[in-house]
Amino acid sequence: MASNSPQELQPASAAVDHEDLKIPLIDFGPFFTGTPSDKHAVALSVTEAFKTSGFVYLKSHGIPPSVVSKVFASSARFFARPQSEKDSLSWKSPQSNRGYVAIGREKLITVDDTDGVDTLRSSAPDIKETMEIGREGVEGLPNRWPDHLDDEGKEFKETMQSFFEMGQTLHKQIMQAIALGMNLPEHFFDDFINDGDNNLRLLHYPPVSKEVFHKNPNQVRAGEHSDYGSVTLLFQDRHGGLQVRSPKGTFVDATPIADTIVVNAGDLLARWSNDTIKSTRHRVIQPPMGVGEDSGDETSDEYPARYSVAYFCQPNLDKVIETLPGTYGEETQVEKKYSAITSGEYLLQRLTATY
């Protein structure tokens, strides 16, 4: 096996390098097709990114651009449906976490802001609507598909089911890279994530008048937050708006790069790693000026619509998450910070605080 020496790290260009925040752009292809040494170098680079910024851009990730385009088109058609149709598929409970979520219902927050979520929701509601899709076949927790509405609804279901499986496969591969990067057996995490208890979230940020942001400086499209699970796979459209918190406490644009996925570590993975891996806060604001077409130049009175797709990866809900070996103890001179908790218990705690 290759060593952990710094020169083994795969060379990577910087997708973001500002305010002491460095997010690399890494070619994930050699993890699939390269030599064992190539594979290990990719694993080290990905893991190092999660340890430093908590974020990485991946190219050659195995999900074809044509598939991503189809998912975005299907998502846009869904959100263009009459409000009554969308409301008929509404999200019911944190236990289910499936269905349509109307604008203003969710308020993304940081762990520290839990007590003030109602105030935040009323003063600066997140300007977005979402469709939440979980794994199929969970007793008593069905997905809220529009397939009974029309043929377009049937196509939507087929498209999203297929994409859900692709996300599950990539989740497994990224976790294998993290395992190798942390000196664990490559398949260490396989049995923790084989159920696919993940969440596919389609997001629509509707056009917003510039006046909304001028009048309320606290207004954002999605509030500052960290994600809950192991990793998140984020597919952005061309408009942008994603910002990542820098070590200096400022927010830095994570500008879209064609045919890449932005991948970030979540809170449960940070906890699992005894905070060796970072779960970095981020938010979505109005698109930066000049990004993409119709991005809100001075001649327009509003910022354009934005679409994104987030695939939230979560360990099997019944799995007990305990601090990983090698991240605490005499050898590291670091104490174990967290008690054991099941993946499902942790997720329910976070969802209950958010909605």
Foldseek 3Di string as FASTA:
>chain_A
DDDLDPVLADDFDFLDDPPQATATEDECQCCPVNDPSSVLNSLQNLLVNQLRRQKYKYFPLPDDPVLVVVLQVLLVVVVPDPPVLQVVFDDDALLQQFGKFDFLPWAADAPVCLVPQVVCSVQAGAQKIKGKDWDPDDPPRHHRFPVVVDVSSVVNVVSVNVVLVVVLVSVLSSVLSNCSNLVHHSNPCVQQAVVSGKMKMKMKRAKDFPVVCVVRVLYFNHDKYFAAAAKKWKFWDQQFFKWWQHPVRDTDTSHDDPRITMMGGGDLNCLQQLNSGDGTIMGGGQGDPPGDPQQPDPVDRIGHMIIMMMMGGHTDQADKRAHDPPNDDDVVPHHNDDDIDGRNVRSNVSVVSGD
